[in-house]
Amino acid sequence: MKGIHEWLEYITEAHRFSLGQFWDPRREIRTVIESDLAMLSSKEIDWQKLIADGEWVGKRMEEEGDLARRDERSDLDRDSGGNDGQR
């Protein structure tokens, strides 16, 4: 989870003016990971929640690439305004 979080932070910061803005834009994935990492640092670990969150993060990461590409394509189409990129 820590590696996924670090990768999302990197991609959203290093590429914030391009594809990075479309990855986990509402920080949902990173928020769940941050919560789970904090739980792991505490003495009280809810193993069922941790496992369920891990499965959710895995599924969301599989979907996130497709969502990011879709949103980037939509943004590019909107910017071109239907005139082949000419303004």
PDB file of N, CA and C in Angstrom:
ATOM      1  N   MET A   1       0.816  -1.194   0.000  1.00  0.00           N
ATOM      2  CA  MET A   1       0.000   0.000   0.000  1.00  0.00           C
ATOM      3  C   MET A   1       0.863   1.263   0.000  1.00  0.00           C
ATOM      4  N   LYS A   2       1.931   1.198   0.756  1.00  0.00           N
ATOM      5  CA  LYS A   2       2.814   2.375   0.824  1.00  0.00           C
ATOM      6  C   LYS A   2       3.389   2.695  -0.560  1.00  0.00           C
ATOM      7  N   GLY A   3       3.772   1.671  -1.300  1.00  0.00           N
ATOM      8  CA  GLY A   3       4.311   1.886  -2.639  1.00  0.00           C
ATOM      9  C   GLY A   3       3.281   2.472  -3.588  1.00  0.00           C
ATOM     10  N   ILE A   4       2.042   2.007  -3.500  1.00  0.00           N
ATOM     11  CA  ILE A   4       0.973   2.555  -4.346  1.00  0.00           C
ATOM     12  C   ILE A   4       0.751   4.026  -3.994  1.00  0.00           C
ATOM     13  N   HIS A   5       0.717   4.322  -2.710  1.00  0.00           N
ATOM     14  CA  HIS A   5       0.522   5.703  -2.268  1.00  0.00           C
ATOM     15  C   HIS A   5       1.648   6.599  -2.794  1.00  0.00           C
ATOM     16  N   GLU A   6       2.879   6.133  -2.642  1.00  0.00           N
ATOM     17  CA  GLU A   6       4.023   6.935  -3.112  1.00  0.00           C
ATOM     18  C   GLU A   6       3.974   7.133  -4.622  1.00  0.00           C
ATOM     19  N   TRP A   7       3.575   6.100  -5.349  1.00  0.00           N
ATOM     20  CA  TRP A   7       3.480   6.224  -6.809  1.00  0.00           C
ATOM     21  C   TRP A   7       2.409   7.236  -7.194  1.00  0.00           C
ATOM     22  N   LEU A   8       1.240   7.167  -6.549  1.00  0.00           N
ATOM     23  CA  LEU A   8       0.176   8.130  -6.850  1.00  0.00           C
ATOM     24  C   LEU A   8       0.618   9.555  -6.522  1.00  0.00           C
ATOM     25  N   GLU A   9       1.311   9.728  -5.409  1.00  0.00           N
ATOM     26  CA  GLU A   9       1.824  11.057  -5.052  1.00  0.00           C
ATOM     27  C   GLU A   9       2.807  11.545  -6.120  1.00  0.00           C
ATOM     28  N   TYR A  10       3.684  10.654  -6.557  1.00  0.00           N
ATOM     29  CA  TYR A  10       4.664  11.028  -7.589  1.00  0.00           C
ATOM     30  C   TYR A  10       3.964  11.419  -8.886  1.00  0.00           C
ATOM     31  N   ILE A  11       3.061  10.575  -9.365  1.00  0.00           N
ATOM     32  CA  ILE A  11       2.441  10.815 -10.674  1.00  0.00           C
ATOM     33  C   ILE A  11       1.593  12.090 -10.646  1.00  0.00           C
ATOM     34  N   THR A  12       0.892  12.330  -9.530  1.00  0.00           N
ATOM     35  CA  THR A  12       0.047  13.522  -9.462  1.00  0.00           C
ATOM     36  C   THR A  12       0.861  14.799  -9.292  1.00  0.00           C
ATOM     37  N   GLU A  13       2.043  14.702  -8.717  1.00  0.00           N
ATOM     38  CA  GLU A  13       2.888  15.887  -8.546  1.00  0.00           C
ATOM     39  C   GLU A  13       3.790  16.121  -9.762  1.00  0.00           C
ATOM     40  N   ALA A  14       4.495  15.087 -10.187  1.00  0.00           N
ATOM     41  CA  ALA A  14       5.460  15.246 -11.286  1.00  0.00           C
ATOM     42  C   ALA A  14       4.778  15.525 -12.623  1.00  0.00           C
ATOM     43  N   HIS A  15       3.550  15.076 -12.765  1.00  0.00           N
ATOM     44  CA  HIS A  15       2.823  15.256 -14.027  1.00  0.00           C
ATOM     45  C   HIS A  15       1.501  15.989 -13.785  1.00  0.00           C
ATOM     46  N   ARG A  16       1.537  16.956 -12.872  1.00  0.00           N
ATOM     47  CA  ARG A  16       0.299  17.621 -12.456  1.00  0.00           C
ATOM     48  C   ARG A  16      -0.370  18.433 -13.558  1.00  0.00           C
ATOM     49  N   PHE A  17       0.372  18.826 -14.576  1.00  0.00           N
ATOM     50  CA  PHE A  17      -0.220  19.608 -15.653  1.00  0.00           C
ATOM     51  C   PHE A  17      -0.589  18.746 -16.854  1.00  0.00           C
ATOM     52  N   SER A  18      -0.395  17.442 -16.721  1.00  0.00           N
ATOM     53  CA  SER A  18      -0.780  16.533 -17.804  1.00  0.00           C
ATOM     54  C   SER A  18      -1.552  15.375 -17.187  1.00  0.00           C
ATOM     55  N   LEU A  19      -1.125  14.156 -17.439  1.00  0.00           N
ATOM     56  CA  LEU A  19      -1.898  13.002 -17.013  1.00  0.00           C
ATOM     57  C   LEU A  19      -2.033  12.872 -15.506  1.00  0.00           C
ATOM     58  N   GLY A  20      -1.148  13.446 -14.732  1.00  0.00           N
ATOM     59  CA  GLY A  20      -1.208  13.330 -13.279  1.00  0.00           C
ATOM     60  C   GLY A  20      -2.469  13.891 -12.661  1.00  0.00           C
ATOM     61  N   GLN A  21      -3.048  14.888 -13.308  1.00  0.00           N
ATOM     62  CA  GLN A  21      -4.255  15.501 -12.754  1.00  0.00           C
ATOM     63  C   GLN A  21      -5.466  14.578 -12.825  1.00  0.00           C
ATOM     64  N   PHE A  22      -5.349  13.493 -13.583  1.00  0.00           N
ATOM     65  CA  PHE A  22      -6.473  12.586 -13.763  1.00  0.00           C
ATOM     66  C   PHE A  22      -6.381  11.329 -12.902  1.00  0.00           C
ATOM     67  N   TRP A  23      -5.273  11.155 -12.190  1.00  0.00           N
ATOM     68  CA  TRP A  23      -5.091   9.989 -11.321  1.00  0.00           C
ATOM     69  C   TRP A  23      -5.550  10.325  -9.914  1.00  0.00           C
ATOM     70  N   ASP A  24      -6.515   9.576  -9.404  1.00  0.00           N
ATOM     71  CA  ASP A  24      -7.030   9.741  -8.043  1.00  0.00           C
ATOM     72  C   ASP A  24      -7.294  11.216  -7.734  1.00  0.00           C
ATOM     73  N   PRO A  25      -8.095  11.885  -8.581  1.00  0.00           N
ATOM     74  CA  PRO A  25      -8.283  13.330  -8.432  1.00  0.00           C
ATOM     75  C   PRO A  25      -8.961  13.733  -7.120  1.00  0.00           C
ATOM     76  N   ARG A  26      -9.778  12.864  -6.557  1.00  0.00           N
ATOM     77  CA  ARG A  26     -10.436  13.176  -5.282  1.00  0.00           C
ATOM     78  C   ARG A  26      -9.691  12.578  -4.098  1.00  0.00           C
ATOM     79  N   ARG A  27      -8.517  12.011  -4.349  1.00  0.00           N
ATOM     80  CA  ARG A  27      -7.651  11.428  -3.324  1.00  0.00           C
ATOM     81  C   ARG A  27      -8.322  10.293  -2.550  1.00  0.00           C
ATOM     82  N   GLU A  28      -9.281   9.643  -3.148  1.00  0.00           N
ATOM     83  CA  GLU A  28      -9.989   8.558  -2.466  1.00  0.00           C
ATOM     84  C   GLU A  28      -9.059   7.395  -2.148  1.00  0.00           C
ATOM     85  N   ILE A  29      -8.274   6.996  -3.122  1.00  0.00           N
ATOM     86  CA  ILE A  29      -7.370   5.863  -2.924  1.00  0.00           C
ATOM     87  C   ILE A  29      -6.323   6.208  -1.878  1.00  0.00           C
ATOM     88  N   ARG A  30      -5.710   7.362  -2.021  1.00  0.00           N
ATOM     89  CA  ARG A  30      -4.666   7.765  -1.075  1.00  0.00           C
ATOM     90  C   ARG A  30      -5.208   7.948   0.336  1.00  0.00           C
ATOM     91  N   THR A  31      -6.430   8.424   0.477  1.00  0.00           N
ATOM     92  CA  THR A  31      -7.027   8.604   1.799  1.00  0.00           C
ATOM     93  C   THR A  31      -7.227   7.263   2.498  1.00  0.00           C
ATOM     94  N   VAL A  32      -7.728   6.269   1.767  1.00  0.00           N
ATOM     95  CA  VAL A  32      -7.912   4.933   2.346  1.00  0.00           C
ATOM     96  C   VAL A  32      -6.559   4.354   2.756  1.00  0.00           C
ATOM     97  N   ILE A  33      -5.567   4.501   1.885  1.00  0.00           N
ATOM     98  CA  ILE A  33      -4.234   3.985   2.206  1.00  0.00           C
ATOM     99  C   ILE A  33      -3.668   4.674   3.442  1.00  0.00           C
ATOM    100  N   GLU A  34      -3.788   6.000   3.520  1.00  0.00           N
ATOM    101  CA  GLU A  34      -3.280   6.742   4.672  1.00  0.00           C
ATOM    102  C   GLU A  34      -3.948   6.263   5.959  1.00  0.00           C
ATOM    103  N   SER A  35      -5.248   6.035   5.900  1.00  0.00           N
ATOM    104  CA  SER A  35      -5.981   5.544   7.064  1.00  0.00           C
ATOM    105  C   SER A  35      -5.488   4.161   7.480  1.00  0.00           C
ATOM    106  N   ASP A  36      -5.291   3.293   6.495  1.00  0.00           N
ATOM    107  CA  ASP A  36      -4.824   1.937   6.800  1.00  0.00           C
ATOM    108  C   ASP A  36      -3.393   1.929   7.327  1.00  0.00           C
ATOM    109  N   LEU A  37      -2.540   2.769   6.778  1.00  0.00           N
ATOM    110  CA  LEU A  37      -1.165   2.830   7.281  1.00  0.00           C
ATOM    111  C   LEU A  37      -1.140   3.360   8.714  1.00  0.00           C
ATOM    112  N   ALA A  38      -2.018   4.308   9.020  1.00  0.00           N
ATOM    113  CA  ALA A  38      -2.108   4.821  10.392  1.00  0.00           C
ATOM    114  C   ALA A  38      -2.605   3.723  11.324  1.00  0.00           C
ATOM    115  N   MET A  39      -3.575   2.936  10.857  1.00  0.00           N
ATOM    116  CA  MET A  39      -4.081   1.835  11.666  1.00  0.00           C
ATOM    117  C   MET A  39      -2.971   0.820  11.944  1.00  0.00           C
ATOM    118  N   LEU A  40      -2.156   0.541  10.943  1.00  0.00           N
ATOM    119  CA  LEU A  40      -1.064  -0.417  11.128  1.00  0.00           C
ATOM    120  C   LEU A  40      -0.034   0.085  12.135  1.00  0.00           C
ATOM    121  N   SER A  41       0.086   1.391  12.262  1.00  0.00           N
ATOM    122  CA  SER A  41       1.027   1.966  13.222  1.00  0.00           C
ATOM    123  C   SER A  41       0.474   1.975  14.645  1.00  0.00           C
ATOM    124  N   SER A  42      -0.827   1.774  14.754  1.00  0.00           N
ATOM    125  CA  SER A  42      -1.445   1.772  16.079  1.00  0.00           C
ATOM    126  C   SER A  42      -1.410   0.362  16.671  1.00  0.00           C
ATOM    127  N   LYS A  43      -1.893   0.254  17.882  1.00  0.00           N
ATOM    128  CA  LYS A  43      -1.928  -1.048  18.543  1.00  0.00           C
ATOM    129  C   LYS A  43      -3.204  -1.822  18.216  1.00  0.00           C
ATOM    130  N   GLU A  44      -4.201  -1.139  17.676  1.00  0.00           N
ATOM    131  CA  GLU A  44      -5.478  -1.778  17.386  1.00  0.00           C
ATOM    132  C   GLU A  44      -5.656  -1.881  15.870  1.00  0.00           C
ATOM    133  N   ILE A  45      -5.503  -3.090  15.371  1.00  0.00           N
ATOM    134  CA  ILE A  45      -5.630  -3.322  13.930  1.00  0.00           C
ATOM    135  C   ILE A  45      -6.922  -4.089  13.676  1.00  0.00           C
ATOM    136  N   ASP A  46      -7.757  -3.498  12.824  1.00  0.00           N
ATOM    137  CA  ASP A  46      -8.987  -4.156  12.395  1.00  0.00           C
ATOM    138  C   ASP A  46      -8.644  -4.932  11.127  1.00  0.00           C
ATOM    139  N   TRP A  47      -8.324  -6.209  11.288  1.00  0.00           N
ATOM    140  CA  TRP A  47      -7.840  -7.020  10.175  1.00  0.00           C
ATOM    141  C   TRP A  47      -8.867  -7.158   9.058  1.00  0.00           C
ATOM    142  N   GLN A  48     -10.137  -7.262   9.406  1.00  0.00           N
ATOM    143  CA  GLN A  48     -11.161  -7.378   8.366  1.00  0.00           C
ATOM    144  C   GLN A  48     -11.217  -6.112   7.519  1.00  0.00           C
ATOM    145  N   LYS A  49     -11.154  -4.949   8.172  1.00  0.00           N
ATOM    146  CA  LYS A  49     -11.164  -3.682   7.436  1.00  0.00           C
ATOM    147  C   LYS A  49      -9.904  -3.547   6.591  1.00  0.00           C
ATOM    148  N   LEU A  50      -8.780  -3.915   7.155  1.00  0.00           N
ATOM    149  CA  LEU A  50      -7.516  -3.807   6.430  1.00  0.00           C
ATOM    150  C   LEU A  50      -7.527  -4.675   5.173  1.00  0.00           C
ATOM    151  N   ILE A  51      -8.010  -5.902   5.289  1.00  0.00           N
ATOM    152  CA  ILE A  51      -8.078  -6.803   4.136  1.00  0.00           C
ATOM    153  C   ILE A  51      -9.073  -6.281   3.102  1.00  0.00           C
ATOM    154  N   ALA A  52     -10.244  -5.846   3.579  1.00  0.00           N
ATOM    155  CA  ALA A  52     -11.252  -5.309   2.653  1.00  0.00           C
ATOM    156  C   ALA A  52     -10.726  -4.066   1.932  1.00  0.00           C
ATOM    157  N   ASP A  53     -10.050  -3.190   2.673  1.00  0.00           N
ATOM    158  CA  ASP A  53      -9.482  -1.986   2.055  1.00  0.00           C
ATOM    159  C   ASP A  53      -8.402  -2.347   1.043  1.00  0.00           C
ATOM    160  N   GLY A  54      -7.583  -3.343   1.370  1.00  0.00           N
ATOM    161  CA  GLY A  54      -6.544  -3.776   0.431  1.00  0.00           C
ATOM    162  C   GLY A  54      -7.143  -4.280  -0.867  1.00  0.00           C
ATOM    163  N   GLU A  55      -8.226  -5.044  -0.758  1.00  0.00           N
ATOM    164  CA  GLU A  55      -8.910  -5.528  -1.963  1.00  0.00           C
ATOM    165  C   GLU A  55      -9.515  -4.370  -2.744  1.00  0.00           C
ATOM    166  N   TRP A  56     -10.108  -3.407  -2.019  1.00  0.00           N
ATOM    167  CA  TRP A  56     -10.708  -2.243  -2.674  1.00  0.00           C
ATOM    168  C   TRP A  56      -9.647  -1.426  -3.406  1.00  0.00           C
ATOM    169  N   VAL A  57      -8.510  -1.203  -2.751  1.00  0.00           N
ATOM    170  CA  VAL A  57      -7.422  -0.429  -3.375  1.00  0.00           C
ATOM    171  C   VAL A  57      -6.939  -1.138  -4.638  1.00  0.00           C
ATOM    172  N   GLY A  58      -6.771  -2.450  -4.578  1.00  0.00           N
ATOM    173  CA  GLY A  58      -6.335  -3.196  -5.755  1.00  0.00           C
ATOM    174  C   GLY A  58      -7.304  -3.060  -6.912  1.00  0.00           C
ATOM    175  N   LYS A  59      -8.587  -3.191  -6.612  1.00  0.00           N
ATOM    176  CA  LYS A  59      -9.608  -3.063  -7.660  1.00  0.00           C
ATOM    177  C   LYS A  59      -9.637  -1.645  -8.227  1.00  0.00           C
ATOM    178  N   ARG A  60      -9.580  -0.646  -7.345  1.00  0.00           N
ATOM    179  CA  ARG A  60      -9.611   0.740  -7.800  1.00  0.00           C
ATOM    180  C   ARG A  60      -8.396   1.095  -8.643  1.00  0.00           C
ATOM    181  N   MET A  61      -7.240   0.556  -8.287  1.00  0.00           N
ATOM    182  CA  MET A  61      -6.044   0.836  -9.081  1.00  0.00           C
ATOM    183  C   MET A  61      -6.174   0.224 -10.469  1.00  0.00           C
ATOM    184  N   GLU A  62      -6.800  -0.947 -10.572  1.00  0.00           N
ATOM    185  CA  GLU A  62      -7.033  -1.532 -11.897  1.00  0.00           C
ATOM    186  C   GLU A  62      -7.940  -0.631 -12.721  1.00  0.00           C
ATOM    187  N   GLU A  63      -8.949  -0.060 -12.097  1.00  0.00           N
ATOM    188  CA  GLU A  63      -9.900   0.809 -12.794  1.00  0.00           C
ATOM    189  C   GLU A  63      -9.334   2.201 -13.053  1.00  0.00           C
ATOM    190  N   GLU A  64      -8.464   2.657 -12.170  1.00  0.00           N
ATOM    191  CA  GLU A  64      -7.985   4.040 -12.206  1.00  0.00           C
ATOM    192  C   GLU A  64      -7.249   4.376 -13.499  1.00  0.00           C
ATOM    193  N   GLY A  65      -6.481   3.448 -14.024  1.00  0.00           N
ATOM    194  CA  GLY A  65      -5.778   3.705 -15.287  1.00  0.00           C
ATOM    195  C   GLY A  65      -6.744   3.997 -16.417  1.00  0.00           C
ATOM    196  N   ASP A  66      -7.800   3.184 -16.504  1.00  0.00           N
ATOM    197  CA  ASP A  66      -8.809   3.408 -17.542  1.00  0.00           C
ATOM    198  C   ASP A  66      -9.537   4.734 -17.327  1.00  0.00           C
ATOM    199  N   LEU A  67      -9.879   5.027 -16.088  1.00  0.00           N
ATOM    200  CA  LEU A  67     -10.564   6.294 -15.789  1.00  0.00           C
ATOM    201  C   LEU A  67      -9.679   7.490 -16.107  1.00  0.00           C
ATOM    202  N   ALA A  68      -8.414   7.402 -15.757  1.00  0.00           N
ATOM    203  CA  ALA A  68      -7.488   8.511 -16.023  1.00  0.00           C
ATOM    204  C   ALA A  68      -7.343   8.743 -17.526  1.00  0.00           C
ATOM    205  N   ARG A  69      -7.191   7.657 -18.293  1.00  0.00           N
ATOM    206  CA  ARG A  69      -7.078   7.809 -19.755  1.00  0.00           C
ATOM    207  C   ARG A  69      -8.360   8.394 -20.341  1.00  0.00           C
ATOM    208  N   ARG A  70      -9.519   7.938 -19.843  1.00  0.00           N
ATOM    209  CA  ARG A  70     -10.791   8.460 -20.342  1.00  0.00           C
ATOM    210  C   ARG A  70     -10.905   9.954 -20.053  1.00  0.00           C
ATOM    211  N   ASP A  71     -10.579  10.348 -18.815  1.00  0.00           N
ATOM    212  CA  ASP A  71     -10.689  11.758 -18.448  1.00  0.00           C
ATOM    213  C   ASP A  71      -9.693  12.623 -19.205  1.00  0.00           C
ATOM    214  N   GLU A  72      -8.487  12.095 -19.420  1.00  0.00           N
ATOM    215  CA  GLU A  72      -7.489  12.848 -20.187  1.00  0.00           C
ATOM    216  C   GLU A  72      -7.959  13.040 -21.626  1.00  0.00           C
ATOM    217  N   ARG A  73      -8.491  11.990 -22.217  1.00  0.00           N
ATOM    218  CA  ARG A  73      -8.994  12.081 -23.596  1.00  0.00           C
ATOM    219  C   ARG A  73     -10.147  13.071 -23.691  1.00  0.00           C
ATOM    220  N   SER A  74     -11.048  13.039 -22.709  1.00  0.00           N
ATOM    221  CA  SER A  74     -12.169  13.968 -22.674  1.00  0.00           C
ATOM    222  C   SER A  74     -11.676  15.408 -22.557  1.00  0.00           C
ATOM    223  N   ASP A  75     -10.675  15.621 -21.723  1.00  0.00           N
ATOM    224  CA  ASP A  75     -10.103  16.952 -21.547  1.00  0.00           C
ATOM    225  C   ASP A  75      -9.450  17.443 -22.836  1.00  0.00           C
ATOM    226  N   LEU A  76      -8.724  16.562 -23.504  1.00  0.00           N
ATOM    227  CA  LEU A  76      -8.083  16.938 -24.775  1.00  0.00           C
ATOM    228  C   LEU A  76      -9.124  17.257 -25.835  1.00  0.00           C
ATOM    229  N   ASP A  77     -10.191  16.460 -25.894  1.00  0.00           N
ATOM    230  CA  ASP A  77     -11.261  16.713 -26.857  1.00  0.00           C
ATOM    231  C   ASP A  77     -11.933  18.055 -26.579  1.00  0.00           C
ATOM    232  N   ARG A  78     -12.153  18.357 -25.306  1.00  0.00           N
ATOM    233  CA  ARG A  78     -12.786  19.615 -24.924  1.00  0.00           C
ATOM    234  C   ARG A  78     -11.880  20.797 -25.289  1.00  0.00           C
ATOM    235  N   ASP A  79     -10.566  20.645 -25.042  1.00  0.00           N
ATOM    236  CA  ASP A  79      -9.630  21.723 -25.369  1.00  0.00           C
ATOM    237  C   ASP A  79      -9.537  21.979 -26.862  1.00  0.00           C
ATOM    238  N   SER A  80      -9.647  20.917 -27.657  1.00  0.00           N
ATOM    239  CA  SER A  80      -9.538  21.112 -29.101  1.00  0.00           C
ATOM    240  C   SER A  80     -10.784  21.787 -29.653  1.00  0.00           C
ATOM    241  N   GLY A  81     -11.901  21.709 -28.932  1.00  0.00           N
ATOM    242  CA  GLY A  81     -13.111  22.398 -29.352  1.00  0.00           C
ATOM    243  C   GLY A  81     -13.651  21.930 -30.688  1.00  0.00           C
ATOM    244  N   GLY A  82     -13.246  20.748 -31.121  1.00  0.00           N
ATOM    245  CA  GLY A  82     -13.733  20.215 -32.376  1.00  0.00           C
ATOM    246  C   GLY A  82     -13.152  20.860 -33.613  1.00  0.00           C
ATOM    247  N   ASN A  83     -12.059  21.631 -33.447  1.00  0.00           N
ATOM    248  CA  ASN A  83     -11.473  22.297 -34.620  1.00  0.00           C
ATOM    249  C   ASN A  83     -10.045  21.827 -34.845  1.00  0.00           C
ATOM    250  N   ASP A  84      -9.811  20.555 -34.597  1.00  0.00           N
ATOM    251  CA  ASP A  84      -8.513  19.934 -34.858  1.00  0.00           C
ATOM    252  C   ASP A  84      -7.364  20.621 -34.111  1.00  0.00           C
ATOM    253  N   GLY A  85      -7.664  21.160 -32.927  1.00  0.00           N
ATOM    254  CA  GLY A  85      -6.608  21.748 -32.111  1.00  0.00           C
ATOM    255  C   GLY A  85      -6.252  23.174 -32.470  1.00  0.00           C
ATOM    256  N   GLN A  86      -6.880  23.751 -33.494  1.00  0.00           N
ATOM    257  CA  GLN A  86      -6.606  25.130 -33.873  1.00  0.00           C
ATOM    258  C   GLN A  86      -7.516  26.052 -33.079  1.00  0.00           C
ATOM    259  N   ARG A  87      -6.996  27.167 -32.654  1.00  0.00           N
ATOM    260  CA  ARG A  87      -7.805  28.111 -31.860  1.00  0.00           C
ATOM    261  C   ARG A  87      -8.121  29.340 -32.631  1.00  0.00           C
TER     262      ARG A  87
END
